[in-house]
Amino acid sequence: MASFREERDTFGPINVPSDKLWGAQTQRSLQNFDIGGERERMPEPIVRAFGVLKKCAAKVNMEYGLDQSIGKAIMQAAQEVAEGKLNDHFPLVVWQTGSGTQSNMNANEVISNRAAEIMGHKRGEKSVHPNDHVNKSQSSNDTFPTEDVGSSALKRIILLFMDWGGVMGSSRHYLKKSSYD
């Protein structure tokens, strides 16, 4: 039997599976746009690029007043997204608004809930807020096109290193450790 936690947004309360890091807006998108299925989920390079983008944004936002402990937790959570460790928490399909608002909010919610856990808080408490902290100084109109370009570049780099065969092992370590610092 599945358990749920209650999340809230401007539309009110909604039940979200307890084992998932996403929040109210992602859950509403899943319920309101039940199309496409598993095979039409957002491609992994796009999800991972959101991690890179949100990590960079947190780093800059800390220079402009974002609480350091919150910013560092966001950066750690975003790095987990960039490494593909949280892929199961990105259930949305490619069929959504042109600005990618649902995917941007999915990333914000996953990163905020994971960052809250890193800081010792519970999912859904909003101790790290998806909009006020993770999405600070950002807009879906900017983030989705930015991560789309980033995901294309990331995919090309990975494919290039895969073509080099034996170089991939050491390159994977280099990319994982250095690319997003």
Protein backbone atom coordinates (compact mmCIF):
# COMPACT_ATOMS: atom_id res chain seq x y z
CA MET A 1 0.00 0.00 0.00
CA ALA A 2 1.45 3.33 -1.07
CA SER A 3 1.84 6.12 1.45
CA PHE A 4 1.47 9.79 0.68
CA ARG A 5 2.46 13.17 2.09
CA GLU A 6 0.41 16.31 1.63
CA GLU A 7 2.02 19.10 -0.41
CA ARG A 8 0.50 22.51 -1.06
CA ASP A 9 0.67 25.09 -3.82
CA THR A 10 -1.55 27.99 -4.91
CA PHE A 11 -4.30 25.51 -5.86
CA GLY A 12 -4.32 23.97 -2.39
CA PRO A 13 -3.35 20.58 -0.97
CA ILE A 14 -2.52 17.50 -3.04
CA ASN A 15 -1.23 14.04 -2.11
CA VAL A 16 2.22 13.12 -3.40
CA PRO A 17 3.77 9.65 -3.07
CA SER A 18 5.98 9.71 0.06
CA ASP A 19 8.88 8.00 -1.70
CA LYS A 20 9.11 10.70 -4.41
CA LEU A 21 11.03 13.97 -4.22
CA TRP A 22 8.70 15.94 -6.49
CA GLY A 23 6.04 18.23 -5.09
CA ALA A 24 2.57 19.59 -5.74
CA GLN A 25 3.09 21.12 -9.19
CA THR A 26 4.71 17.99 -10.62
CA GLN A 27 1.93 15.85 -9.14
CA ARG A 28 -0.71 18.09 -10.72
CA SER A 29 1.05 17.89 -14.07
CA LEU A 30 1.08 14.09 -13.83
CA GLN A 31 -2.65 14.02 -13.08
CA ASN A 32 -3.73 16.70 -15.56
CA PHE A 33 -1.55 15.59 -18.48
CA ASP A 34 -1.70 11.80 -18.29
CA ILE A 35 -0.39 11.30 -21.83
CA GLY A 36 2.61 9.74 -23.53
CA GLY A 37 3.63 7.30 -20.84
CA GLU A 38 7.07 6.03 -19.88
CA ARG A 39 8.49 6.05 -23.42
CA GLU A 40 7.83 9.77 -23.80
CA ARG A 41 9.41 10.93 -20.55
CA MET A 42 11.71 13.93 -20.60
CA PRO A 43 15.07 12.72 -21.99
CA GLU A 44 17.81 12.12 -19.41
CA PRO A 45 20.25 14.67 -20.90
CA ILE A 46 17.64 17.39 -20.33
CA VAL A 47 17.04 16.31 -16.73
CA ARG A 48 20.79 16.20 -16.07
CA ALA A 49 21.29 19.61 -17.67
CA PHE A 50 18.71 21.04 -15.26
CA GLY A 51 21.00 19.82 -12.47
CA VAL A 52 23.96 21.67 -13.94
CA LEU A 53 21.90 24.83 -14.44
CA LYS A 54 20.42 24.83 -10.92
CA LYS A 55 23.83 24.18 -9.35
CA CYS A 56 25.32 27.14 -11.21
CA ALA A 57 22.36 29.35 -10.29
CA ALA A 58 22.72 28.45 -6.59
CA LYS A 59 26.43 29.26 -6.68
CA VAL A 60 25.75 32.71 -8.15
CA ASN A 61 22.76 33.33 -5.88
CA MET A 62 24.94 32.69 -2.81
CA GLU A 63 27.09 35.62 -3.95
CA TYR A 64 23.93 37.75 -3.94
CA GLY A 65 22.42 36.83 -0.60
CA LEU A 66 21.14 33.25 -0.74
CA ASP A 67 21.84 31.65 2.65
CA GLN A 68 25.12 29.73 2.35
CA SER A 69 23.85 26.54 4.01
CA ILE A 70 20.77 26.44 1.77
CA GLY A 71 22.87 27.26 -1.30
CA LYS A 72 25.38 24.49 -0.58
CA ALA A 73 22.59 21.95 -0.03
CA ILE A 74 20.98 23.03 -3.33
CA MET A 75 24.33 22.66 -5.08
CA GLN A 76 24.78 19.14 -3.66
CA ALA A 77 21.24 18.09 -4.62
CA ALA A 78 21.62 19.62 -8.09
CA GLN A 79 24.88 17.72 -8.54
CA GLU A 80 22.99 14.49 -7.79
CA VAL A 81 20.53 15.44 -10.55
CA ALA A 82 23.41 16.23 -12.93
CA GLU A 83 24.94 12.81 -12.20
CA GLY A 84 21.65 11.03 -12.95
CA LYS A 85 21.21 9.77 -9.37
CA LEU A 86 17.66 11.16 -9.08
CA ASN A 87 16.25 10.25 -12.50
CA ASP A 88 13.36 8.30 -10.96
CA HIS A 89 12.01 11.59 -9.58
CA PHE A 90 11.51 13.13 -13.04
CA PRO A 91 8.31 11.50 -14.33
CA LEU A 92 7.03 14.18 -16.70
CA VAL A 93 6.64 13.64 -20.42
CA VAL A 94 7.79 15.88 -23.24
CA TRP A 95 4.21 17.02 -23.93
CA GLN A 96 3.84 20.24 -21.93
CA THR A 97 3.86 24.00 -22.32
CA GLY A 98 6.39 25.46 -24.72
CA SER A 99 8.29 27.24 -21.98
CA GLY A 100 8.91 24.00 -20.06
CA THR A 101 7.33 25.30 -16.86
CA GLN A 102 6.40 21.82 -15.62
CA SER A 103 9.92 20.45 -16.11
CA ASN A 104 11.47 23.52 -14.50
CA MET A 105 9.20 23.13 -11.47
CA ASN A 106 9.84 19.37 -11.36
CA ALA A 107 13.57 20.17 -11.10
CA ASN A 108 12.94 22.87 -8.47
CA GLU A 109 10.78 20.55 -6.35
CA VAL A 110 13.14 17.57 -6.55
CA ILE A 111 16.18 19.69 -5.74
CA SER A 112 14.43 21.56 -2.92
CA ASN A 113 13.19 18.38 -1.25
CA ARG A 114 16.56 16.65 -1.65
CA ALA A 115 18.38 19.75 -0.34
CA ALA A 116 16.00 19.80 2.66
CA GLU A 117 16.89 16.15 3.37
CA ILE A 118 20.61 16.99 3.12
CA MET A 119 20.02 19.68 5.75
CA GLY A 120 18.19 17.22 8.02
CA HIS A 121 14.62 18.30 7.23
CA LYS A 122 11.65 16.35 5.85
CA ARG A 123 10.31 16.36 2.32
CA GLY A 124 7.50 18.82 1.75
CA GLU A 125 8.34 21.12 4.68
CA LYS A 126 9.62 23.87 2.32
CA SER A 127 12.65 24.59 4.51
CA VAL A 128 14.32 24.84 1.11
CA HIS A 129 11.67 26.41 -1.10
CA PRO A 130 11.37 25.36 -4.76
CA ASN A 131 10.66 28.91 -5.97
CA ASP A 132 12.23 31.21 -3.39
CA HIS A 133 15.51 29.29 -3.11
CA VAL A 134 16.06 26.84 -6.00
CA ASN A 135 14.42 28.97 -8.71
CA LYS A 136 15.71 32.30 -7.31
CA SER A 137 16.24 34.89 -10.09
CA GLN A 138 15.12 32.43 -12.78
CA SER A 139 12.20 31.98 -15.15
CA SER A 140 11.03 28.95 -17.12
CA ASN A 141 11.31 31.16 -20.19
CA ASP A 142 15.07 31.26 -19.51
CA THR A 143 15.85 27.94 -17.83
CA PHE A 144 14.25 25.58 -20.33
CA PRO A 145 16.03 27.00 -23.42
CA THR A 146 19.30 27.20 -21.45
CA GLU A 147 19.22 23.60 -20.25
CA ASP A 148 18.11 22.45 -23.72
CA VAL A 149 21.28 23.89 -25.23
CA GLY A 150 23.27 22.54 -22.29
CA SER A 151 21.83 19.05 -22.67
CA SER A 152 22.76 19.00 -26.36
CA ALA A 153 26.33 20.02 -25.57
CA LEU A 154 26.58 17.52 -22.69
CA LYS A 155 25.27 14.70 -24.91
CA ARG A 156 27.81 15.55 -27.63
CA ILE A 157 30.68 15.55 -25.13
CA ILE A 158 29.62 12.19 -23.70
CA LEU A 159 29.25 10.67 -27.18
CA LEU A 160 32.65 12.03 -28.19
CA PHE A 161 34.31 10.38 -25.21
CA MET A 162 32.41 7.14 -25.81
CA ASP A 163 33.81 7.08 -29.36
CA TRP A 164 37.33 7.25 -27.91
CA GLY A 165 36.76 3.90 -26.20
CA GLY A 166 39.44 3.38 -23.56
CA VAL A 167 39.67 7.09 -22.85
CA MET A 168 36.12 7.02 -21.48
CA GLY A 169 37.04 5.64 -18.04
CA SER A 170 39.42 8.43 -17.11
CA SER A 171 37.32 11.01 -18.94
CA ARG A 172 34.18 10.01 -17.06
CA HIS A 173 36.04 10.62 -13.81
CA TYR A 174 37.25 14.00 -15.05
CA LEU A 175 33.79 15.07 -16.27
CA LYS A 176 32.13 13.94 -13.05
CA LYS A 177 34.62 15.70 -10.80
CA SER A 178 35.44 18.87 -12.71
CA SER A 179 32.76 19.88 -15.18
CA TYR A 180 30.26 21.28 -12.73
CA ASP A 181 32.57 22.83 -10.12
